[in-house]
Structures are given as C-alpha cells and as structure tokens.
C-alpha atoms as a PDB file:
ATOM      1  CA  MET A   1       0.308   0.179   0.058  1.00  0.00           C
ATOM      2  CA  GLY A   2       1.459   3.377  -0.458  1.00  0.00           C
ATOM      3  CA  ARG A   3       0.785   4.951   2.391  1.00  0.00           C
ATOM      4  CA  SER A   4       1.051   3.200   6.394  1.00  0.00           C
ATOM      5  CA  LYS A   5      -2.316   5.556   7.761  1.00  0.00           C
ATOM      6  CA  GLN A   6      -4.087   2.785   9.579  1.00  0.00           C
ATOM      7  CA  VAL A   7      -7.562   4.468   9.132  1.00  0.00           C
ATOM      8  CA  ILE A   8     -10.707   3.592   8.587  1.00  0.00           C
ATOM      9  CA  SER A   9     -12.370   4.219   5.289  1.00  0.00           C
ATOM     10  CA  ALA A  10     -13.723   0.720   5.343  1.00  0.00           C
ATOM     11  CA  LEU A  11     -14.930   0.870   1.668  1.00  0.00           C
ATOM     12  CA  GLY A  12     -12.085  -1.830   0.766  1.00  0.00           C
ATOM     13  CA  ALA A  13     -13.524  -4.163   2.993  1.00  0.00           C
ATOM     14  CA  THR A  14     -15.487  -6.064   0.026  1.00  0.00           C
ATOM     15  CA  ALA A  15     -13.597  -9.166  -0.799  1.00  0.00           C
ATOM     16  CA  LEU A  16     -12.695  -9.395   2.914  1.00  0.00           C
ATOM     17  CA  GLY A  17     -14.672  -7.398   4.701  1.00  0.00           C
ATOM     18  CA  ALA A  18     -15.874 -10.793   7.078  1.00  0.00           C
ATOM     19  CA  VAL A  19     -12.229 -11.622   7.679  1.00  0.00           C
ATOM     20  CA  LEU A  20     -12.822  -9.892  11.140  1.00  0.00           C
ATOM     21  CA  LEU A  21     -16.789 -11.086  11.763  1.00  0.00           C
ATOM     22  CA  THR A  22     -15.721 -15.140  10.655  1.00  0.00           C
ATOM     23  CA  GLY A  23     -12.491 -14.828  12.351  1.00  0.00           C
ATOM     24  CA  CYS A  24     -13.662 -14.476  15.483  1.00  0.00           C
ATOM     25  CA  SER A  25     -17.337 -15.141  15.187  1.00  0.00           C
ATOM     26  CA  SER A  26     -18.212 -18.011  13.197  1.00  0.00           C
ATOM     27  CA  ASP A  27     -16.602 -20.608  10.969  1.00  0.00           C
ATOM     28  CA  ASP A  28     -19.951 -19.952   8.095  1.00  0.00           C
ATOM     29  CA  ALA A  29     -17.280 -18.107   6.093  1.00  0.00           C
ATOM     30  CA  ASP A  30     -20.092 -19.066   3.060  1.00  0.00           C
ATOM     31  CA  ALA A  31     -23.445 -17.927   4.260  1.00  0.00           C
ATOM     32  CA  ASP A  32     -25.850 -15.794   1.768  1.00  0.00           C
ATOM     33  CA  ALA A  33     -25.377 -11.949   2.616  1.00  0.00           C
ATOM     34  CA  ARG A  34     -28.848 -10.178   3.388  1.00  0.00           C
ATOM     35  CA  GLU A  35     -29.364  -7.469   1.818  1.00  0.00           C
ATOM     36  CA  PRO A  36     -30.786  -4.232   3.817  1.00  0.00           C
ATOM     37  CA  ALA A  37     -34.102  -3.481   2.847  1.00  0.00           C
ATOM     38  CA  ALA A  38     -32.762   0.343   4.120  1.00  0.00           C
ATOM     39  CA  SER A  39     -30.375  -0.003   0.555  1.00  0.00           C
ATOM     40  CA  SER A  40     -33.725  -0.099  -2.359  1.00  0.00           C
ATOM     41  CA  PRO A  41     -33.318   2.588  -5.093  1.00  0.00           C
ATOM     42  CA  ALA A  42     -35.957   5.144  -4.562  1.00  0.00           C
ATOM     43  CA  GLU A  43     -36.109   8.660  -5.404  1.00  0.00           C
ATOM     44  CA  SER A  44     -34.806  10.654  -8.699  1.00  0.00           C
ATOM     45  CA  ALA A  45     -32.364  12.847  -9.251  1.00  0.00           C
ATOM     46  CA  SER A  46     -34.475  15.770  -7.870  1.00  0.00           C
ATOM     47  CA  SER A  47     -34.029  14.636  -4.375  1.00  0.00           C
ATOM     48  CA  PRO A  48     -33.324  17.052  -2.074  1.00  0.00           C
ATOM     49  CA  ALA A  49     -29.828  17.641  -1.251  1.00  0.00           C
ATOM     50  CA  ALA A  50     -28.267  15.679   1.817  1.00  0.00           C
ATOM     51  CA  GLU A  51     -28.294  18.638   4.772  1.00  0.00           C
ATOM     52  CA  ALA A  52     -24.806  19.959   5.223  1.00  0.00           C
ATOM     53  CA  SER A  53     -22.515  18.826   8.066  1.00  0.00           C
ATOM     54  CA  PRO A  54     -21.602  22.109   9.998  1.00  0.00           C
ATOM     55  CA  ALA A  55     -20.324  20.515  13.087  1.00  0.00           C
ATOM     56  CA  SER A  56     -17.302  18.533  11.336  1.00  0.00           C
ATOM     57  CA  GLY A  57     -17.149  21.859   9.453  1.00  0.00           C
ATOM     58  CA  TYR A  58     -17.066  19.430   5.731  1.00  0.00           C
ATOM     59  CA  THR A  59     -16.927  20.580   2.293  1.00  0.00           C
ATOM     60  CA  THR A  60     -16.523  19.043  -0.558  1.00  0.00           C
ATOM     61  CA  PRO A  61     -12.986  18.260  -0.671  1.00  0.00           C
ATOM     62  CA  ALA A  62     -11.142  19.715  -3.869  1.00  0.00           C
ATOM     63  CA  ALA A  63     -10.191  15.528  -5.541  1.00  0.00           C
ATOM     64  CA  CYS A  64     -13.437  15.717  -6.126  1.00  0.00           C
ATOM     65  CA  ALA A  65     -14.168  18.692  -8.482  1.00  0.00           C
ATOM     66  CA  ASP A  66     -13.629  16.005 -11.433  1.00  0.00           C
ATOM     67  CA  VAL A  67     -16.495  13.554 -10.152  1.00  0.00           C
ATOM     68  CA  PRO A  68     -19.869  14.295 -11.800  1.00  0.00           C
ATOM     69  CA  LEU A  69     -22.201  13.187  -8.995  1.00  0.00           C
ATOM     70  CA  LYS A  70     -25.529  13.113 -11.507  1.00  0.00           C
ATOM     71  CA  SER A  71     -28.037  11.029 -13.527  1.00  0.00           C
ATOM     72  CA  ASP A  72     -26.439   8.556 -16.166  1.00  0.00           C
ATOM     73  CA  ALA A  73     -22.211  10.091 -15.645  1.00  0.00           C
ATOM     74  CA  THR A  74     -19.112   8.094 -16.215  1.00  0.00           C
ATOM     75  CA  ILE A  75     -16.483   8.598 -13.576  1.00  0.00           C
ATOM     76  CA  PRO A  76     -12.954   7.691 -13.594  1.00  0.00           C
ATOM     77  CA  GLY A  77     -12.316   5.392 -10.858  1.00  0.00           C
ATOM     78  CA  LYS A  78      -8.884   6.711 -10.403  1.00  0.00           C
ATOM     79  CA  ASP A  79     -10.953  10.253  -9.692  1.00  0.00           C
ATOM     80  CA  LEU A  80     -13.614   8.709  -7.989  1.00  0.00           C
ATOM     81  CA  ALA A  81     -10.568   6.684  -5.748  1.00  0.00           C
ATOM     82  CA  ALA A  82      -9.234   9.787  -4.770  1.00  0.00           C
ATOM     83  CA  CYS A  83     -12.498  11.857  -3.851  1.00  0.00           C
ATOM     84  CA  VAL A  84     -13.843   9.157  -2.171  1.00  0.00           C
ATOM     85  CA  THR A  85     -10.348   9.071  -0.282  1.00  0.00           C
ATOM     86  CA  ALA A  86     -10.194  12.367  -0.037  1.00  0.00           C
ATOM     87  CA  ALA A  87     -13.556  12.621   1.492  1.00  0.00           C
ATOM     88  CA  MET A  88     -13.859  10.199   4.691  1.00  0.00           C
ATOM     89  CA  GLU A  89     -10.144  11.305   5.471  1.00  0.00           C
ATOM     90  CA  ALA A  90     -11.832  15.544   5.684  1.00  0.00           C
ATOM     91  CA  TYR A  91     -14.039  13.655   8.223  1.00  0.00           C
ATOM     92  CA  GLY A  92     -11.584  12.440  10.202  1.00  0.00           C
ATOM     93  CA  THR A  93     -13.829  10.363  12.298  1.00  0.00           C
ATOM     94  CA  GLY A  94     -16.887   8.546  12.570  1.00  0.00           C
ATOM     95  CA  THR A  95     -19.322   5.440  12.730  1.00  0.00           C
ATOM     96  CA  GLU A  96     -19.971   2.409  10.254  1.00  0.00           C
ATOM     97  CA  HIS A  97     -21.820  -0.922  10.208  1.00  0.00           C
ATOM     98  CA  VAL A  98     -21.000  -3.564   8.617  1.00  0.00           C
ATOM     99  CA  THR A  99     -23.165  -6.625   7.111  1.00  0.00           C
ATOM    100  CA  SER A 100     -21.440  -9.752   6.230  1.00  0.00           C
ATOM    101  CA  GLY A 101     -23.714 -12.761   5.687  1.00  0.00           C
ATOM    102  CA  ASP A 102     -25.735 -13.120   9.099  1.00  0.00           C
ATOM    103  CA  GLN A 103     -23.502 -11.643  10.754  1.00  0.00           C
ATOM    104  CA  GLU A 104     -22.939  -7.573  11.720  1.00  0.00           C
ATOM    105  CA  SER A 105     -20.813  -5.218  13.380  1.00  0.00           C
ATOM    106  CA  THR A 106     -20.196  -1.815  14.362  1.00  0.00           C
ATOM    107  CA  THR A 107     -17.131   0.492  14.544  1.00  0.00           C
ATOM    108  CA  ARG A 108     -16.005   4.117  16.014  1.00  0.00           C
ATOM    109  CA  PHE A 109     -12.850   5.331  13.628  1.00  0.00           C
ATOM    110  CA  ARG A 110     -10.632   7.993  13.942  1.00  0.00           C
ATOM    111  CA  PHE A 111      -8.534   9.115  11.374  1.00  0.00           C
ATOM    112  CA  GLY A 112      -4.985  10.997  11.144  1.00  0.00           C
ATOM    113  CA  ASP A 113      -1.389  10.525  12.863  1.00  0.00           C
ATOM    114  CA  GLU A 114      -3.513   8.671  15.887  1.00  0.00           C
ATOM    115  CA  PRO A 115      -6.037   6.136  14.109  1.00  0.00           C
ATOM    116  CA  ALA A 116      -8.016   4.313  16.192  1.00  0.00           C
ATOM    117  CA  MET A 117     -10.853   1.738  15.989  1.00  0.00           C
ATOM    118  CA  ALA A 118     -12.798   0.177  18.355  1.00  0.00           C
ATOM    119  CA  GLY A 119     -15.774  -2.190  17.932  1.00  0.00           C
ATOM    120  CA  ASP A 120     -18.608  -5.093  18.370  1.00  0.00           C
ATOM    121  CA  VAL A 121     -19.356  -7.806  16.602  1.00  0.00           C
ATOM    122  CA  ASP A 122     -22.085 -10.080  16.840  1.00  0.00           C
ATOM    123  CA  GLY A 123     -21.135 -13.955  17.820  1.00  0.00           C
ATOM    124  CA  GLU A 124     -23.031 -16.813  16.673  1.00  0.00           C
ATOM    125  CA  GLY A 125     -26.331 -17.419  16.017  1.00  0.00           C
ATOM    126  CA  GLY A 126     -26.324 -13.418  15.955  1.00  0.00           C
ATOM    127  CA  LYS A 127     -25.705 -12.337  19.867  1.00  0.00           C
ATOM    128  CA  SER A 128     -25.361  -8.562  19.514  1.00  0.00           C
ATOM    129  CA  GLY A 129     -22.382  -7.523  20.923  1.00  0.00           C
ATOM    130  CA  GLU A 130     -20.521 -10.804  21.813  1.00  0.00           C
ATOM    131  CA  ASN A 131     -17.254 -10.588  20.306  1.00  0.00           C
ATOM    132  CA  SER A 132     -15.558  -6.838  21.040  1.00  0.00           C
ATOM    133  CA  PHE A 133     -12.361  -5.006  19.703  1.00  0.00           C
ATOM    134  CA  VAL A 134     -10.000  -2.256  20.184  1.00  0.00           C
ATOM    135  CA  PHE A 135      -7.339  -1.047  17.627  1.00  0.00           C
ATOM    136  CA  LEU A 136      -4.685   2.121  18.862  1.00  0.00           C
ATOM    137  CA  GLY A 137      -1.526   2.793  16.855  1.00  0.00           C
ATOM    138  CA  ASP A 138       0.905  -0.255  16.034  1.00  0.00           C
ATOM    139  CA  GLU A 139      -1.986  -2.332  19.422  1.00  0.00           C
ATOM    140  CA  GLU A 140      -4.837  -4.857  19.000  1.00  0.00           C
ATOM    141  CA  TRP A 141      -7.355  -6.446  21.629  1.00  0.00           C
ATOM    142  CA  ILE A 142      -9.735  -9.057  20.937  1.00  0.00           C
ATOM    143  CA  ARG A 143     -12.518 -10.034  22.959  1.00  0.00           C
ATOM    144  CA  THR A 144     -13.756 -13.307  22.726  1.00  0.00           C
ATOM    145  CA  ASP A 145     -15.788 -15.150  25.585  1.00  0.00           C
ATOM    146  CA  GLY A 146     -15.483 -12.224  28.164  1.00  0.00           C
ATOM    147  CA  THR A 147     -11.879 -12.139  27.982  1.00  0.00           C
ATOM    148  CA  TRP A 148      -9.506  -9.336  26.194  1.00  0.00           C
ATOM    149  CA  VAL A 149      -6.244 -10.533  24.295  1.00  0.00           C
ATOM    150  CA  LYS A 150      -3.788  -8.533  23.318  1.00  0.00           C
ATOM    151  CA  GLY A 151      -2.350  -9.516  19.662  1.00  0.00           C
ATOM    152  CA  ASP A 152       1.136 -10.461  19.967  1.00  0.00           C
ATOM    153  CA  PRO A 153       3.019 -12.198  16.479  1.00  0.00           C
ATOM    154  CA  ALA A 154       5.377 -14.245  19.018  1.00  0.00           C
ATOM    155  CA  GLY A 155       2.493 -14.711  21.334  1.00  0.00           C
ATOM    156  CA  ASN A 156       0.864 -17.981  21.927  1.00  0.00           C
ATOM    157  CA  THR A 157      -1.606 -18.907  19.884  1.00  0.00           C
ATOM    158  CA  ARG A 158      -4.555 -16.691  20.531  1.00  0.00           C
ATOM    159  CA  GLU A 159      -2.282 -13.696  20.745  1.00  0.00           C
ATOM    160  CA  THR A 160      -0.999 -14.857  17.026  1.00  0.00           C
ATOM    161  CA  LEU A 161      -4.584 -15.234  15.690  1.00  0.00           C
ATOM    162  CA  VAL A 162      -5.486 -11.799  16.941  1.00  0.00           C
ATOM    163  CA  ALA A 163      -2.395 -10.431  15.788  1.00  0.00           C
ATOM    164  CA  SER A 164      -3.249 -11.547  12.466  1.00  0.00           C
ATOM    165  CA  LEU A 165      -6.822 -10.823  12.634  1.00  0.00           C
ATOM    166  CA  GLY A 166      -5.877  -7.453  13.755  1.00  0.00           C
ATOM    167  CA  LYS A 167      -3.329  -6.242  11.156  1.00  0.00           C
ATOM    168  CA  ALA A 168      -6.083  -8.155   8.067  1.00  0.00           C
ATOM    169  CA  TYR A 169      -8.860  -6.136   9.260  1.00  0.00           C
ATOM    170  CA  ARG A 170      -6.677  -3.156   9.702  1.00  0.00           C
ATOM    171  CA  ALA A 171      -4.830  -3.317   6.298  1.00  0.00           C
ATOM    172  CA  LEU A 172      -8.992  -3.101   5.050  1.00  0.00           C
ATOM    173  CA  ALA A 173      -9.173   0.502   6.440  1.00  0.00           C
ATOM    174  CA  ASP A 174      -6.468   1.956   5.020  1.00  0.00           C
ATOM    175  CA  PRO A 175      -7.793   4.682   2.181  1.00  0.00           C
ATOM    176  CA  GLN A 176      -4.980   3.290  -0.015  1.00  0.00           C
ATOM    177  CA  VAL A 177      -7.171  -0.044  -0.541  1.00  0.00           C
ATOM    178  CA  THR A 178     -10.502   1.944  -0.919  1.00  0.00           C
ATOM    179  CA  ALA A 179      -8.383   4.094  -3.530  1.00  0.00           C
ATOM    180  CA  ASP A 180      -7.062   0.272  -4.737  1.00  0.00           C
ATOM    181  CA  VAL A 181     -10.653  -1.612  -5.618  1.00  0.00           C
ATOM    182  CA  ILE A 182     -12.116   1.458  -6.372  1.00  0.00           C
ATOM    183  CA  ALA A 183      -9.252   2.452  -8.997  1.00  0.00           C
ATOM    184  CA  SER A 184      -9.170  -1.036 -10.017  1.00  0.00           C
ATOM    185  CA  SER A 185     -12.267  -0.753 -12.178  1.00  0.00           C
ATOM    186  CA  PRO A 186     -11.312   1.971 -14.966  1.00  0.00           C
ATOM    187  CA  VAL A 187     -14.903   3.403 -15.380  1.00  0.00           C
ATOM    188  CA  TRP A 188     -17.734   3.567 -12.762  1.00  0.00           C
ATOM    189  CA  LYS A 189     -21.303   4.668 -13.566  1.00  0.00           C
ATOM    190  CA  VAL A 190     -23.733   7.268 -11.739  1.00  0.00           C
ATOM    191  CA  ASP A 191     -27.909   5.536 -11.463  1.00  0.00           C
ATOM    192  CA  THR A 192     -30.373   7.551 -13.192  1.00  0.00           C
ATOM    193  CA  GLU A 193     -32.054   7.833  -9.983  1.00  0.00           C
ATOM    194  CA  LYS A 194     -30.649   8.193  -6.185  1.00  0.00           C
ATOM    195  CA  ALA A 195     -31.302   5.523  -3.282  1.00  0.00           C
ATOM    196  CA  LEU A 196     -32.751   5.851  -0.107  1.00  0.00           C
ATOM    197  CA  ILE A 197     -30.593   4.886   2.626  1.00  0.00           C
ATOM    198  CA  SER A 198     -31.590   3.999   6.286  1.00  0.00           C
ATOM    199  CA  LEU A 199     -28.911   4.259   8.651  1.00  0.00           C
ATOM    200  CA  GLU A 200     -28.334   2.780  11.666  1.00  0.00           C
ATOM    201  CA  ASN A 201     -28.547   6.268  13.685  1.00  0.00           C
ATOM    202  CA  GLY A 202     -31.867   6.499  12.569  1.00  0.00           C
ATOM    203  CA  LYS A 203     -31.184   8.953   9.819  1.00  0.00           C
ATOM    204  CA  ASP A 204     -32.380   8.438   5.792  1.00  0.00           C
ATOM    205  CA  THR A 205     -30.488   9.963   3.192  1.00  0.00           C
ATOM    206  CA  HIS A 206     -30.650  10.013  -0.940  1.00  0.00           C
ATOM    207  CA  ALA A 207     -27.098   8.967  -1.641  1.00  0.00           C
ATOM    208  CA  TRP A 208     -25.791   8.981  -5.796  1.00  0.00           C
ATOM    209  CA  ARG A 209     -25.662   4.784  -6.239  1.00  0.00           C
ATOM    210  CA  ILE A 210     -22.435   4.763  -8.387  1.00  0.00           C
ATOM    211  CA  THR A 211     -21.559   0.694  -9.496  1.00  0.00           C
ATOM    212  CA  ASN A 212     -18.432  -1.016 -11.702  1.00  0.00           C
ATOM    213  CA  ALA A 213     -19.636  -0.625 -15.307  1.00  0.00           C
ATOM    214  CA  GLU A 214     -17.995  -4.296 -15.418  1.00  0.00           C
ATOM    215  CA  PRO A 215     -16.968  -7.008 -13.387  1.00  0.00           C
ATOM    216  CA  PHE A 216     -13.143  -6.292 -12.344  1.00  0.00           C
ATOM    217  CA  ASN A 217     -10.440  -8.461 -10.971  1.00  0.00           C
ATOM    218  CA  TRP A 218      -9.237  -6.599  -7.491  1.00  0.00           C
ATOM    219  CA  HIS A 219      -6.062  -9.135  -6.031  1.00  0.00           C
ATOM    220  CA  GLY A 220      -7.235 -12.109  -7.597  1.00  0.00           C
ATOM    221  CA  ALA A 221     -10.771 -11.874  -6.393  1.00  0.00           C
ATOM    222  CA  GLU A 222     -13.353 -11.228  -9.422  1.00  0.00           C
ATOM    223  CA  MET A 223     -15.416  -7.988  -8.362  1.00  0.00           C
ATOM    224  CA  THR A 224     -18.462  -8.724 -10.089  1.00  0.00           C
ATOM    225  CA  GLU A 225     -20.556  -5.840  -8.251  1.00  0.00           C
ATOM    226  CA  TYR A 226     -19.240  -2.912  -5.897  1.00  0.00           C
ATOM    227  CA  ILE A 227     -21.488  -0.247  -4.905  1.00  0.00           C
ATOM    228  CA  VAL A 228     -20.442   3.052  -3.889  1.00  0.00           C
ATOM    229  CA  TRP A 229     -22.652   5.321  -2.625  1.00  0.00           C
ATOM    230  CA  LEU A 230     -22.270   9.649  -2.304  1.00  0.00           C
ATOM    231  CA  GLU A 231     -24.538  12.208  -0.824  1.00  0.00           C
ATOM    232  CA  ASP A 232     -24.374  15.148  -2.982  1.00  0.00           C
ATOM    233  CA  ASP A 233     -21.632  16.569  -1.536  1.00  0.00           C
ATOM    234  CA  ALA A 234     -19.572  13.441  -1.882  1.00  0.00           C
ATOM    235  CA  THR A 235     -19.823  12.337   1.713  1.00  0.00           C
ATOM    236  CA  PRO A 236     -19.782   8.773   1.864  1.00  0.00           C
ATOM    237  CA  VAL A 237     -22.751   6.923   2.778  1.00  0.00           C
ATOM    238  CA  GLY A 238     -21.784   3.180   2.221  1.00  0.00           C
ATOM    239  CA  ALA A 239     -20.366   0.735   0.122  1.00  0.00           C
ATOM    240  CA  GLN A 240     -21.936  -2.557  -0.786  1.00  0.00           C
ATOM    241  CA  GLY A 241     -19.665  -5.609  -2.748  1.00  0.00           C
ATOM    242  CA  THR A 242     -19.568  -9.112  -3.920  1.00  0.00           C
ATOM    243  CA  SER A 243     -16.754 -10.673  -4.914  1.00  0.00           C
ATOM    244  CA  ALA A 244     -16.721 -14.501  -6.967  1.00  0.00           C
ATOM    245  CA  MET A 245     -13.173 -15.076  -4.846  1.00  0.00           C
ATOM    246  CA  GLY A 246     -13.042 -19.041  -4.006  1.00  0.00           C
ATOM    247  CA  GLY A 247     -16.079 -19.524  -6.508  1.00  0.00           C
ATOM    248  CA  THR A 248     -18.516 -18.785  -3.884  1.00  0.00           C
ATOM    249  CA  PRO A 249     -20.338 -15.322  -4.276  1.00  0.00           C
ATOM    250  CA  THR A 250     -19.739 -13.356  -0.987  1.00  0.00           C
ATOM    251  CA  THR A 251     -21.428 -10.024   0.013  1.00  0.00           C
ATOM    252  CA  THR A 252     -20.395  -7.270   2.802  1.00  0.00           C
ATOM    253  CA  VAL A 253     -22.540  -4.214   2.723  1.00  0.00           C
ATOM    254  CA  GLN A 254     -20.807  -1.395   4.740  1.00  0.00           C
ATOM    255  CA  HIS A 255     -23.130   1.955   5.917  1.00  0.00           C
ATOM    256  CA  PHE A 256     -21.106   5.155   7.422  1.00  0.00           C
ATOM    257  CA  TYR A 257     -23.119   7.663  10.486  1.00  0.00           C
ATOM    258  CA  ASP A 258     -21.951  10.023  12.948  1.00  0.00           C
ATOM    259  CA  LEU A 259     -19.131  11.437  10.031  1.00  0.00           C
ATOM    260  CA  GLY A 260     -16.912  13.846  12.271  1.00  0.00           C
ATOM    261  CA  LYS A 261     -18.874  13.230  15.513  1.00  0.00           C
ATOM    262  CA  PRO A 262     -15.957  12.629  18.399  1.00  0.00           C
ATOM    263  CA  VAL A 263     -14.961   8.756  19.530  1.00  0.00           C
ATOM    264  CA  THR A 264     -13.495   7.868  22.341  1.00  0.00           C
ATOM    265  CA  ILE A 265     -11.619   5.101  21.927  1.00  0.00           C
ATOM    266  CA  GLU A 266      -9.262   3.337  24.289  1.00  0.00           C
ATOM    267  CA  PRO A 267      -7.596   0.392  25.381  1.00  0.00           C
ATOM    268  CA  PRO A 268      -9.415  -2.189  27.750  1.00  0.00           C
ATOM    269  CA  ALA A 269      -9.356  -1.935  31.376  1.00  0.00           C
END
C-alpha cells in the first residue's frame, strides 16, 4: 500500500470484509449475505440534497471536482478513488455498520496521526455484540468469551491469531486500499436515480448509487459488483460489494454515519 496510515474508510472491505466477522465469531464464511432493505433504490435525481455538516466543518474536497454526481454520469476509477479517500479523510471520525452473511459489526473510528478503531461483532446465532475489538496505534485487542486478548505475533496461539486478525482488518481500513479497489475498475457509472438509505443512527439520506461498469479483478478476487453511495457533497454513505473469491459469491454491506462526530477509543481495562 502507498501509505501506512491505519484509518478506517473501510470501503475496501468487500473481498475480505468478513475477516474479523468470521474469524472471531463463526465458522460459516460462506453464508448468503442479507441485503438490507434500507439500501433500496428510491428517489429521483430531483431528491433534496443531503443536509450540510456544520458540526464537522466538512466541505466537498477539491479532489471531488472531477467527479460528476449526476444522473447517468461516468467517472474514471482513479478520480472516484481520490474523491472517496479525500472525503473520508476530511471527516476524520465516524461510525460504520457492516453486514456480512448473517453477522454484523459496529465500529467507531478515528483518522489522523493517531488512528484508532473499536467496536463490537455479533457472535454465533446473531448474538449481539458478543465479541469486541480495539485497535490503537500498532496494538490490537479482541474480546471473545468475555476475555480480552492482546495481539502478539510472537505470542501463544490466541495472541498470534488476534495479531493476525487485527492486521488484516486494519489493512482493509486504509484509504489506500479503498483507492486500490475503486481504481481497479477503469469506469464507474452513476445511476439515473438516487437510493434511499436508512442508516443505523435512525436517519435517512438520499445518495447517488455508483457502480462498476464491468466486473474487475482486485488482488485475485473477481469483483462482480461494487457499489459506492455518495451524497451530493460527496459524503460517503456506504458501500456494497460482491466478489467471487474461491468460487462462492460473498457480499459485504457497509453504512457510514455520524461522520465528524467525536469518538472515544481507549485500551481495554
């Protein structure tokens, strides 16, 4: 990756997005994904623009100037990648919700010179928040069965596993991975209509649905469909991707919300 900033835009989690979910919580890595009803196409291009974000001080990044968010527009992959990366960096903090198969996770994240993320992952049978994780600097902790374990590549079996899972999940969170995934598809197309997205914080928003023009390959995984949702001001709302890695289609859905709001992430007590 071009940069080592461990920040979580997580839009690159499609092909490997279930690493933490399946690694900590379940042996069923091939469960069919549930597509949230919240991501159904709805409003036309005349839908009201997304609300401004005065609390975060966010303004549309200059990197998005060459990204036409309008009906039927086409966007080069390199331009879309640069815009999404810049927008997530501009907010700096937020929360994401990930659905992969029958499992879900919620993550608080922080960008910048002191990146961090923390959250909860459902356990087997959908048991809410059964597993938790905290990533601070170069350190990882994962809690399973009520016990926190700190990752250590040279440690015992559990410590080594935690370190491996942590590093894998972090890699997916780097904006350079996001850019890599999006840039891997030469051309993207904006739908004729916006999509109505119901976020996990209870708010609805109308976002442009942008999809890859053709299937593409990303590090050995065939990406049959990848969707990026952006509001009128290029605020990232979420992503959904389906890959055929290993011959079995895998879908991961992500929603971003509360962008720019302060988050607290501390080492486990």
